[in-house]
Amino acid sequence: MEGTIATTMLILLPPSEGKTAPRRGAPLDLATLSHPALTETRERVLDALVELSSGDLAAAARVLEVGATQTDLVEANRGLREAPTARAERIYTGVLYDHLDAGSLTAAAKRRASSRLAVVSSVFGLVRPGDRIPAYRLSGQTTLPGLGPVAAAWRPVLGEAVAAQVGRGLVVDLRSSVYAGFWRPGKDAGDVDPRTRVATVRVLHEQGGVRKVVSHFNKATKGRIVRALLEDGADPGTPAALADALRDLGWLVEVGEPTATGTRLDVVVTEL
């Protein structure tokens, strides 16, 4: 329930660029989404996005960084308020979500996902798996006419939403760099102490003694990590406890020093 102080970890996920547009479903109703404190900002972002997309198609495509063959995505934005919706876990697609495979989780893992997962969205701020939303096109690095940078619109309010959902638990921050700008632990609103209650995860691919970040391995491994944590039921309360839980699940994990943005865990993989 909204307002309940949680004691479990909260896993923050980035949205996917690709989304599955539902063919049927009730239209968007912001009043039904979790975190009603975000409704005002959701309205502002939606208004700016719909207005932009309803104007000159080519100009809107440039702002939204949509290619000449994908202007249908801009046109779809025009009707976001009336478009069919589906559960957010069915809207987001891509490598991370393919490996999470939320639809095949056990019943217990699905219950954990409903309270422990949240997607950071450029349109809706923070959405839980069961929130019903439409497919949309809006990158987190976009500047919308009449609104400004999307990240700046969310920064004053998103931290309080995160703090409300996680309560006294641990934030496991799996956001990409673009969406990390929506809420900066320790700098923006919210009372989550990054030195003790925020863990970030970096996936390193090791081959021939050389380690490097590879996008595919990073996204796929993060999806597998989330799935494993949900199925296992582990509920670590500190970055060190999270590292131990991941080791128990078979990963090689190295823990960095606490910083002003959180404690980084390096997960080292040699194959997918």
Protein backbone atom coordinates (compact mmCIF):
# COMPACT_ATOMS: atom_id res chain seq x y z
CA MET A 1 0.00 0.00 0.00
CA GLU A 2 1.11 3.54 -0.70
CA GLY A 3 2.62 5.10 2.39
CA THR A 4 3.64 1.81 3.99
CA ILE A 5 7.23 1.84 5.25
CA ALA A 6 9.02 -0.95 3.42
CA THR A 7 11.84 -2.95 4.90
CA THR A 8 12.87 -4.81 1.76
CA MET A 9 15.35 -3.82 -0.88
CA LEU A 10 14.28 -1.78 -3.89
CA ILE A 11 15.83 -2.58 -7.27
CA LEU A 12 15.84 0.39 -9.66
CA LEU A 13 15.79 -0.59 -13.34
CA PRO A 14 16.31 1.55 -16.43
CA PRO A 15 13.51 1.57 -18.99
CA SER A 16 14.08 -0.01 -22.38
CA GLU A 17 14.20 2.00 -25.58
CA GLY A 18 12.10 -0.67 -27.24
CA LYS A 19 8.59 -1.18 -25.92
CA THR A 20 5.70 -3.48 -26.74
CA ALA A 21 2.58 -1.47 -27.54
CA PRO A 22 -0.54 -3.25 -26.29
CA ARG A 23 -3.27 -3.74 -28.88
CA ARG A 24 -6.05 -3.50 -26.32
CA GLY A 25 -6.48 -2.31 -22.78
CA ALA A 26 -7.95 0.51 -20.74
CA PRO A 27 -6.64 4.02 -21.47
CA LEU A 28 -4.11 5.68 -19.19
CA ASP A 29 -5.40 6.71 -15.79
CA LEU A 30 -2.70 8.48 -13.80
CA ALA A 31 -4.78 8.17 -10.63
CA THR A 32 -4.24 4.40 -10.64
CA LEU A 33 -0.43 4.53 -10.77
CA SER A 34 1.73 4.00 -7.73
CA HIS A 35 3.37 7.04 -6.13
CA PRO A 36 0.54 9.57 -6.54
CA ALA A 37 2.89 12.31 -5.35
CA LEU A 38 4.39 12.14 -8.85
CA THR A 39 1.08 12.83 -10.60
CA GLU A 40 1.67 16.56 -11.08
CA THR A 41 5.04 15.99 -12.76
CA ARG A 42 3.58 13.15 -14.83
CA GLU A 43 0.91 15.56 -16.09
CA ARG A 44 3.52 18.18 -17.01
CA VAL A 45 5.72 15.71 -18.89
CA LEU A 46 2.76 14.16 -20.70
CA ASP A 47 1.42 17.57 -21.73
CA ALA A 48 4.78 18.64 -23.12
CA LEU A 49 5.36 15.34 -24.95
CA VAL A 50 1.88 15.21 -26.49
CA GLU A 51 2.07 18.86 -27.55
CA LEU A 52 5.46 18.36 -29.19
CA SER A 53 4.34 15.18 -30.98
CA SER A 54 1.11 16.81 -32.18
CA GLY A 55 2.96 19.55 -34.04
CA ASP A 56 5.39 19.35 -36.94
CA LEU A 57 6.26 15.67 -37.32
CA ALA A 58 9.79 16.17 -38.63
CA ALA A 59 10.65 18.70 -35.93
CA ALA A 60 9.30 16.44 -33.20
CA ALA A 61 11.28 13.51 -34.60
CA ARG A 62 14.48 15.53 -34.35
CA VAL A 63 13.83 16.48 -30.73
CA LEU A 64 12.96 12.90 -29.82
CA GLU A 65 15.90 11.54 -31.84
CA VAL A 66 13.65 9.36 -33.95
CA GLY A 67 14.87 8.27 -37.37
CA ALA A 68 13.08 9.14 -40.59
CA THR A 69 11.64 5.62 -40.82
CA GLN A 70 10.29 5.64 -37.26
CA THR A 71 7.98 8.64 -37.28
CA ASP A 72 5.13 6.29 -36.35
CA LEU A 73 6.60 6.39 -32.82
CA VAL A 74 6.12 10.15 -32.74
CA GLU A 75 2.57 9.81 -34.04
CA ALA A 76 1.82 7.26 -31.31
CA ASN A 77 2.89 9.83 -28.69
CA ARG A 78 0.06 12.08 -29.81
CA GLY A 79 -2.52 9.73 -28.37
CA LEU A 80 -0.79 8.63 -25.18
CA ARG A 81 -3.68 9.61 -22.93
CA GLU A 82 -6.12 7.48 -24.94
CA ALA A 83 -3.76 4.65 -25.95
CA PRO A 84 -4.27 1.11 -24.61
CA THR A 85 -2.26 0.31 -21.49
CA ALA A 86 -0.75 -2.86 -20.05
CA ARG A 87 1.27 -3.78 -16.99
CA ALA A 88 4.67 -2.09 -17.13
CA GLU A 89 6.42 -5.46 -16.92
CA ARG A 90 4.87 -6.28 -20.32
CA ILE A 91 5.64 -2.91 -21.91
CA TYR A 92 9.42 -2.84 -21.45
CA THR A 93 11.50 -5.13 -23.66
CA GLY A 94 15.17 -5.57 -24.53
CA VAL A 95 18.12 -7.58 -23.27
CA LEU A 96 17.73 -6.90 -19.53
CA TYR A 97 14.00 -7.60 -19.58
CA ASP A 98 14.41 -10.68 -21.76
CA HIS A 99 16.75 -12.21 -19.18
CA LEU A 100 14.58 -11.12 -16.26
CA ASP A 101 11.63 -12.79 -18.04
CA ALA A 102 9.10 -11.60 -15.47
CA GLY A 103 6.26 -13.60 -16.97
CA SER A 104 7.92 -16.93 -16.13
CA LEU A 105 8.77 -16.12 -12.50
CA THR A 106 7.30 -18.31 -9.81
CA ALA A 107 4.27 -16.99 -7.94
CA ALA A 108 6.40 -16.08 -4.92
CA ALA A 109 8.96 -14.28 -7.08
CA LYS A 110 6.22 -12.33 -8.83
CA ARG A 111 4.94 -11.14 -5.45
CA ARG A 112 8.44 -10.00 -4.54
CA ALA A 113 8.79 -8.24 -7.90
CA SER A 114 5.64 -6.22 -7.27
CA SER A 115 7.20 -4.56 -4.22
CA ARG A 116 10.93 -4.77 -4.94
CA LEU A 117 11.18 -3.60 -8.56
CA ALA A 118 10.71 -0.11 -9.95
CA VAL A 119 11.46 1.23 -13.42
CA VAL A 120 12.72 4.80 -13.73
CA SER A 121 10.64 6.25 -16.57
CA SER A 122 11.10 9.49 -18.44
CA VAL A 123 7.30 9.92 -18.66
CA PHE A 124 6.05 8.43 -15.40
CA GLY A 125 9.01 8.88 -13.04
CA LEU A 126 8.81 5.64 -11.10
CA VAL A 127 6.60 2.70 -12.06
CA ARG A 128 6.08 -0.66 -10.45
CA PRO A 129 5.61 -3.84 -12.52
CA GLY A 130 1.83 -3.78 -12.12
CA ASP A 131 1.32 -0.13 -13.10
CA ARG A 132 -0.66 0.08 -16.33
CA ILE A 133 1.03 2.38 -18.84
CA PRO A 134 1.06 2.83 -22.63
CA ALA A 135 4.10 2.40 -24.84
CA TYR A 136 5.84 5.74 -25.41
CA ARG A 137 8.90 7.25 -27.01
CA LEU A 138 10.88 9.66 -24.83
CA SER A 139 14.53 9.33 -23.91
CA GLY A 140 15.75 10.46 -20.52
CA GLN A 141 18.24 12.80 -22.17
CA THR A 142 15.60 14.73 -24.13
CA THR A 143 14.82 18.41 -23.63
CA LEU A 144 11.13 19.05 -24.24
CA PRO A 145 9.90 22.47 -25.40
CA GLY A 146 8.01 24.18 -22.61
CA LEU A 147 9.38 21.78 -20.00
CA GLY A 148 13.16 21.67 -20.33
CA PRO A 149 15.39 18.65 -19.70
CA VAL A 150 13.31 15.64 -18.67
CA ALA A 151 15.85 14.65 -16.01
CA ALA A 152 15.61 18.11 -14.41
CA ALA A 153 11.83 17.81 -14.24
CA TRP A 154 12.07 14.58 -12.23
CA ARG A 155 15.03 15.43 -10.02
CA PRO A 156 13.13 17.46 -7.36
CA VAL A 157 10.51 14.74 -6.75
CA LEU A 158 11.90 11.32 -7.59
CA GLY A 159 14.11 10.93 -4.53
CA GLU A 160 11.17 11.23 -2.17
CA ALA A 161 9.31 8.57 -4.16
CA VAL A 162 12.29 6.24 -3.93
CA ALA A 163 12.62 6.87 -0.19
CA ALA A 164 8.91 6.23 0.33
CA GLN A 165 9.05 2.90 -1.45
CA VAL A 166 12.30 1.56 0.02
CA GLY A 167 11.68 2.70 3.60
CA ARG A 168 14.63 1.44 5.64
CA GLY A 169 15.74 -1.06 3.00
CA LEU A 170 18.59 -1.17 0.50
CA VAL A 171 18.46 0.54 -2.92
CA VAL A 172 20.05 -1.63 -5.62
CA ASP A 173 20.67 0.87 -8.38
CA LEU A 174 20.86 -0.76 -11.83
CA ARG A 175 20.01 2.39 -13.79
CA SER A 176 21.95 3.39 -16.87
CA SER A 177 23.94 6.65 -16.76
CA VAL A 178 21.15 8.63 -18.46
CA TYR A 179 18.57 7.70 -15.84
CA ALA A 180 20.99 8.04 -12.95
CA GLY A 181 20.56 11.79 -13.47
CA PHE A 182 16.88 11.60 -12.50
CA TRP A 183 17.80 11.06 -8.85
CA ARG A 184 21.27 11.40 -7.31
CA PRO A 185 21.44 9.76 -3.88
CA GLY A 186 22.69 12.16 -1.25
CA LYS A 187 22.20 15.22 -3.46
CA ASP A 188 18.52 15.31 -4.33
CA ALA A 189 15.37 15.07 -2.22
CA GLY A 190 14.93 11.89 -0.21
CA ASP A 191 16.57 10.47 2.88
CA VAL A 192 18.43 7.43 1.51
CA ASP A 193 22.04 7.50 2.72
CA PRO A 194 24.17 6.51 -0.29
CA ARG A 195 27.11 5.37 1.83
CA THR A 196 25.18 2.69 3.68
CA ARG A 197 21.97 2.04 1.74
CA VAL A 198 22.77 2.30 -1.98
CA ALA A 199 24.54 -0.36 -4.03
CA THR A 200 25.36 0.08 -7.70
CA VAL A 201 26.29 -2.85 -9.91
CA ARG A 202 28.79 -2.91 -12.76
CA VAL A 203 29.23 -6.00 -14.90
CA LEU A 204 32.72 -6.69 -16.23
CA HIS A 205 33.39 -9.23 -18.96
CA GLU A 206 36.74 -10.93 -18.40
CA GLN A 207 38.46 -12.53 -21.37
CA GLY A 208 42.14 -13.41 -21.63
CA GLY A 209 42.84 -11.70 -18.34
CA VAL A 210 41.36 -8.41 -19.59
CA ARG A 211 38.22 -6.92 -18.07
CA LYS A 212 35.92 -4.50 -19.82
CA VAL A 213 32.33 -3.33 -19.81
CA VAL A 214 30.33 -4.82 -22.69
CA SER A 215 26.79 -3.53 -23.11
CA HIS A 216 25.20 -6.88 -23.94
CA PHE A 217 26.85 -8.71 -21.03
CA ASN A 218 26.01 -5.82 -18.71
CA LYS A 219 22.30 -5.83 -19.52
CA ALA A 220 21.92 -9.60 -19.75
CA THR A 221 23.72 -10.23 -16.46
CA LYS A 222 21.72 -7.57 -14.64
CA GLY A 223 18.52 -9.22 -15.86
CA ARG A 224 19.73 -12.60 -14.62
CA ILE A 225 20.80 -11.10 -11.28
CA VAL A 226 17.39 -9.55 -10.70
CA ARG A 227 15.64 -12.78 -11.61
CA ALA A 228 17.87 -14.83 -9.30
CA LEU A 229 17.36 -12.46 -6.37
CA LEU A 230 13.58 -12.55 -6.81
CA GLU A 231 13.46 -16.34 -7.09
CA ASP A 232 15.82 -16.85 -4.16
CA GLY A 233 14.03 -14.40 -1.89
CA ALA A 234 17.25 -12.88 -0.57
CA ASP A 235 16.61 -9.55 1.12
CA PRO A 236 20.03 -7.95 1.82
CA GLY A 237 20.02 -4.76 3.85
CA THR A 238 23.54 -3.53 3.04
CA PRO A 239 25.82 -3.53 -0.01
CA ALA A 240 28.06 -6.12 1.68
CA ALA A 241 25.08 -8.39 2.33
CA LEU A 242 24.04 -8.01 -1.32
CA ALA A 243 27.53 -9.06 -2.42
CA ASP A 244 27.29 -12.13 -0.17
CA ALA A 245 23.86 -13.00 -1.59
CA LEU A 246 25.17 -12.76 -5.15
CA ARG A 247 28.15 -14.93 -4.30
CA ASP A 248 25.79 -17.51 -2.82
CA LEU A 249 23.96 -17.45 -6.14
CA GLY A 250 27.17 -18.20 -8.03
CA TRP A 251 28.59 -14.85 -9.11
CA LEU A 252 32.10 -13.51 -8.65
CA VAL A 253 31.64 -10.18 -6.87
CA GLU A 254 34.15 -7.55 -5.81
CA VAL A 255 33.05 -4.76 -3.43
CA GLY A 256 34.36 -1.21 -3.66
CA GLU A 257 34.59 1.41 -0.96
CA PRO A 258 31.47 3.40 0.04
CA THR A 259 31.23 6.70 -1.83
CA ALA A 260 28.92 9.69 -1.98
CA THR A 261 26.92 7.94 -4.73
CA GLY A 262 26.83 4.45 -3.23
CA THR A 263 28.94 1.31 -2.95
CA ARG A 264 29.85 -0.25 -6.27
CA LEU A 265 29.75 -3.98 -6.73
CA ASP A 266 31.69 -5.37 -9.68
CA VAL A 267 30.22 -8.61 -11.01
CA VAL A 268 32.80 -10.39 -13.17
CA VAL A 269 31.61 -12.79 -15.87
CA THR A 270 33.54 -14.84 -18.41
CA GLU A 271 30.58 -16.04 -20.46
CA LEU A 272 26.88 -15.41 -20.77
